[in-house]
Amino acid sequence: MGTARKRRPVHREQADRLTLVDQWHHFVLDRPVLVQPGETIWVEDGHLLVQRSIGVVDACPGFMNR
Protein backbone atom coordinates (compact mmCIF):
# COMPACT_ATOMS: atom_id res chain seq x y z
CA MET A 1 0.00 0.00 0.00
CA GLY A 2 1.44 3.41 -0.98
CA THR A 3 1.46 6.46 1.20
CA ALA A 4 -0.58 9.39 0.04
CA ARG A 5 0.99 12.79 0.49
CA LYS A 6 -1.37 15.34 1.93
CA ARG A 7 -1.24 18.68 0.17
CA ARG A 8 -1.68 21.84 2.12
CA PRO A 9 -4.87 23.70 1.26
CA VAL A 10 -4.27 26.31 -1.40
CA HIS A 11 -4.70 29.84 -0.06
CA ARG A 12 -6.22 32.19 -2.62
CA GLU A 13 -6.60 35.94 -2.46
CA GLN A 14 -8.41 38.38 -4.67
CA ALA A 15 -6.61 41.60 -5.58
CA ASP A 16 -8.42 44.75 -4.46
CA ARG A 17 -6.28 47.16 -6.49
CA LEU A 18 -3.84 47.31 -9.40
CA THR A 19 -0.61 45.84 -8.01
CA LEU A 20 2.85 44.96 -9.32
CA VAL A 21 3.65 41.74 -7.39
CA ASP A 22 7.26 40.60 -6.90
CA GLN A 23 6.63 38.57 -3.74
CA TRP A 24 3.48 36.96 -2.30
CA HIS A 25 3.82 35.84 1.30
CA HIS A 26 7.02 33.69 1.25
CA PHE A 27 6.97 33.13 -2.51
CA VAL A 28 9.42 35.25 -4.52
CA LEU A 29 8.80 35.64 -8.25
CA ASP A 30 11.50 35.43 -10.91
CA ARG A 31 10.09 38.73 -12.27
CA PRO A 32 7.26 41.07 -11.21
CA VAL A 33 3.70 40.39 -12.38
CA LEU A 34 0.93 42.97 -12.85
CA VAL A 35 -2.31 41.95 -11.11
CA GLN A 36 -5.59 43.77 -11.81
CA PRO A 37 -8.39 44.38 -9.27
CA GLY A 38 -10.66 41.33 -8.95
CA GLU A 39 -8.07 38.84 -10.20
CA THR A 40 -7.30 35.84 -7.96
CA ILE A 41 -3.75 34.83 -6.96
CA TRP A 42 -2.33 31.75 -5.28
CA VAL A 43 0.84 29.62 -5.18
CA GLU A 44 0.92 26.02 -6.40
CA ASP A 45 3.72 23.73 -7.64
CA GLY A 46 6.45 26.39 -7.80
CA HIS A 47 4.36 29.02 -9.59
CA LEU A 48 2.29 32.02 -8.66
CA LEU A 49 -1.00 31.50 -10.45
CA VAL A 50 -3.10 34.49 -11.48
CA GLN A 51 -6.65 33.90 -12.65
CA ARG A 52 -7.33 36.83 -14.93
CA SER A 53 -10.74 38.50 -15.16
CA ILE A 54 -11.30 36.81 -18.55
CA GLY A 55 -10.84 33.36 -16.93
CA VAL A 56 -7.32 32.61 -18.20
CA VAL A 57 -4.80 31.44 -15.57
CA ASP A 58 -1.20 32.68 -15.93
CA ALA A 59 1.59 30.67 -14.25
CA CYS A 60 4.55 32.78 -13.09
CA PRO A 61 7.67 30.91 -11.87
CA GLY A 62 9.42 31.61 -8.60
CA PHE A 63 10.59 29.99 -5.36
CA MET A 64 9.74 29.77 -1.67
CA ASN A 65 11.91 31.98 0.55
CA ARG A 66 11.75 30.92 4.18
C-alpha atoms as a PDB file:
ATOM      1  CA  MET A   1       0.000   0.000   0.000  1.00  0.00           C
ATOM      2  CA  GLY A   2       1.441   3.411  -0.981  1.00  0.00           C
ATOM      3  CA  THR A   3       1.465   6.458   1.201  1.00  0.00           C
ATOM      4  CA  ALA A   4      -0.584   9.389   0.037  1.00  0.00           C
ATOM      5  CA  ARG A   5       0.987  12.794   0.493  1.00  0.00           C
ATOM      6  CA  LYS A   6      -1.366  15.341   1.927  1.00  0.00           C
ATOM      7  CA  ARG A   7      -1.244  18.682   0.166  1.00  0.00           C
ATOM      8  CA  ARG A   8      -1.676  21.843   2.117  1.00  0.00           C
ATOM      9  CA  PRO A   9      -4.868  23.698   1.262  1.00  0.00           C
ATOM     10  CA  VAL A  10      -4.274  26.307  -1.402  1.00  0.00           C
ATOM     11  CA  HIS A  11      -4.703  29.836  -0.058  1.00  0.00           C
ATOM     12  CA  ARG A  12      -6.217  32.188  -2.619  1.00  0.00           C
ATOM     13  CA  GLU A  13      -6.596  35.945  -2.456  1.00  0.00           C
ATOM     14  CA  GLN A  14      -8.414  38.381  -4.668  1.00  0.00           C
ATOM     15  CA  ALA A  15      -6.610  41.602  -5.575  1.00  0.00           C
ATOM     16  CA  ASP A  16      -8.417  44.750  -4.459  1.00  0.00           C
ATOM     17  CA  ARG A  17      -6.280  47.161  -6.490  1.00  0.00           C
ATOM     18  CA  LEU A  18      -3.838  47.309  -9.397  1.00  0.00           C
ATOM     19  CA  THR A  19      -0.606  45.838  -8.012  1.00  0.00           C
ATOM     20  CA  LEU A  20       2.854  44.955  -9.319  1.00  0.00           C
ATOM     21  CA  VAL A  21       3.652  41.742  -7.391  1.00  0.00           C
ATOM     22  CA  ASP A  22       7.258  40.605  -6.900  1.00  0.00           C
ATOM     23  CA  GLN A  23       6.627  38.565  -3.737  1.00  0.00           C
ATOM     24  CA  TRP A  24       3.483  36.959  -2.298  1.00  0.00           C
ATOM     25  CA  HIS A  25       3.822  35.839   1.305  1.00  0.00           C
ATOM     26  CA  HIS A  26       7.020  33.689   1.254  1.00  0.00           C
ATOM     27  CA  PHE A  27       6.965  33.133  -2.511  1.00  0.00           C
ATOM     28  CA  VAL A  28       9.419  35.253  -4.519  1.00  0.00           C
ATOM     29  CA  LEU A  29       8.798  35.645  -8.248  1.00  0.00           C
ATOM     30  CA  ASP A  30      11.496  35.429 -10.912  1.00  0.00           C
ATOM     31  CA  ARG A  31      10.092  38.731 -12.269  1.00  0.00           C
ATOM     32  CA  PRO A  32       7.258  41.071 -11.215  1.00  0.00           C
ATOM     33  CA  VAL A  33       3.702  40.394 -12.383  1.00  0.00           C
ATOM     34  CA  LEU A  34       0.930  42.965 -12.853  1.00  0.00           C
ATOM     35  CA  VAL A  35      -2.309  41.954 -11.105  1.00  0.00           C
ATOM     36  CA  GLN A  36      -5.588  43.773 -11.813  1.00  0.00           C
ATOM     37  CA  PRO A  37      -8.395  44.384  -9.267  1.00  0.00           C
ATOM     38  CA  GLY A  38     -10.655  41.334  -8.947  1.00  0.00           C
ATOM     39  CA  GLU A  39      -8.067  38.839 -10.200  1.00  0.00           C
ATOM     40  CA  THR A  40      -7.302  35.842  -7.962  1.00  0.00           C
ATOM     41  CA  ILE A  41      -3.754  34.833  -6.965  1.00  0.00           C
ATOM     42  CA  TRP A  42      -2.330  31.745  -5.276  1.00  0.00           C
ATOM     43  CA  VAL A  43       0.839  29.616  -5.181  1.00  0.00           C
ATOM     44  CA  GLU A  44       0.920  26.022  -6.399  1.00  0.00           C
ATOM     45  CA  ASP A  45       3.716  23.734  -7.640  1.00  0.00           C
ATOM     46  CA  GLY A  46       6.449  26.394  -7.799  1.00  0.00           C
ATOM     47  CA  HIS A  47       4.356  29.018  -9.593  1.00  0.00           C
ATOM     48  CA  LEU A  48       2.294  32.021  -8.658  1.00  0.00           C
ATOM     49  CA  LEU A  49      -0.997  31.495 -10.453  1.00  0.00           C
ATOM     50  CA  VAL A  50      -3.095  34.486 -11.482  1.00  0.00           C
ATOM     51  CA  GLN A  51      -6.653  33.901 -12.649  1.00  0.00           C
ATOM     52  CA  ARG A  52      -7.334  36.829 -14.926  1.00  0.00           C
ATOM     53  CA  SER A  53     -10.736  38.499 -15.163  1.00  0.00           C
ATOM     54  CA  ILE A  54     -11.304  36.806 -18.550  1.00  0.00           C
ATOM     55  CA  GLY A  55     -10.841  33.357 -16.931  1.00  0.00           C
ATOM     56  CA  VAL A  56      -7.319  32.614 -18.198  1.00  0.00           C
ATOM     57  CA  VAL A  57      -4.801  31.441 -15.567  1.00  0.00           C
ATOM     58  CA  ASP A  58      -1.202  32.678 -15.929  1.00  0.00           C
ATOM     59  CA  ALA A  59       1.594  30.668 -14.246  1.00  0.00           C
ATOM     60  CA  CYS A  60       4.552  32.781 -13.088  1.00  0.00           C
ATOM     61  CA  PRO A  61       7.673  30.910 -11.871  1.00  0.00           C
ATOM     62  CA  GLY A  62       9.419  31.613  -8.600  1.00  0.00           C
ATOM     63  CA  PHE A  63      10.593  29.986  -5.361  1.00  0.00           C
ATOM     64  CA  MET A  64       9.735  29.775  -1.668  1.00  0.00           C
ATOM     65  CA  ASN A  65      11.908  31.980   0.555  1.00  0.00           C
ATOM     66  CA  ARG A  66      11.748  30.924   4.176  1.00  0.00           C
END
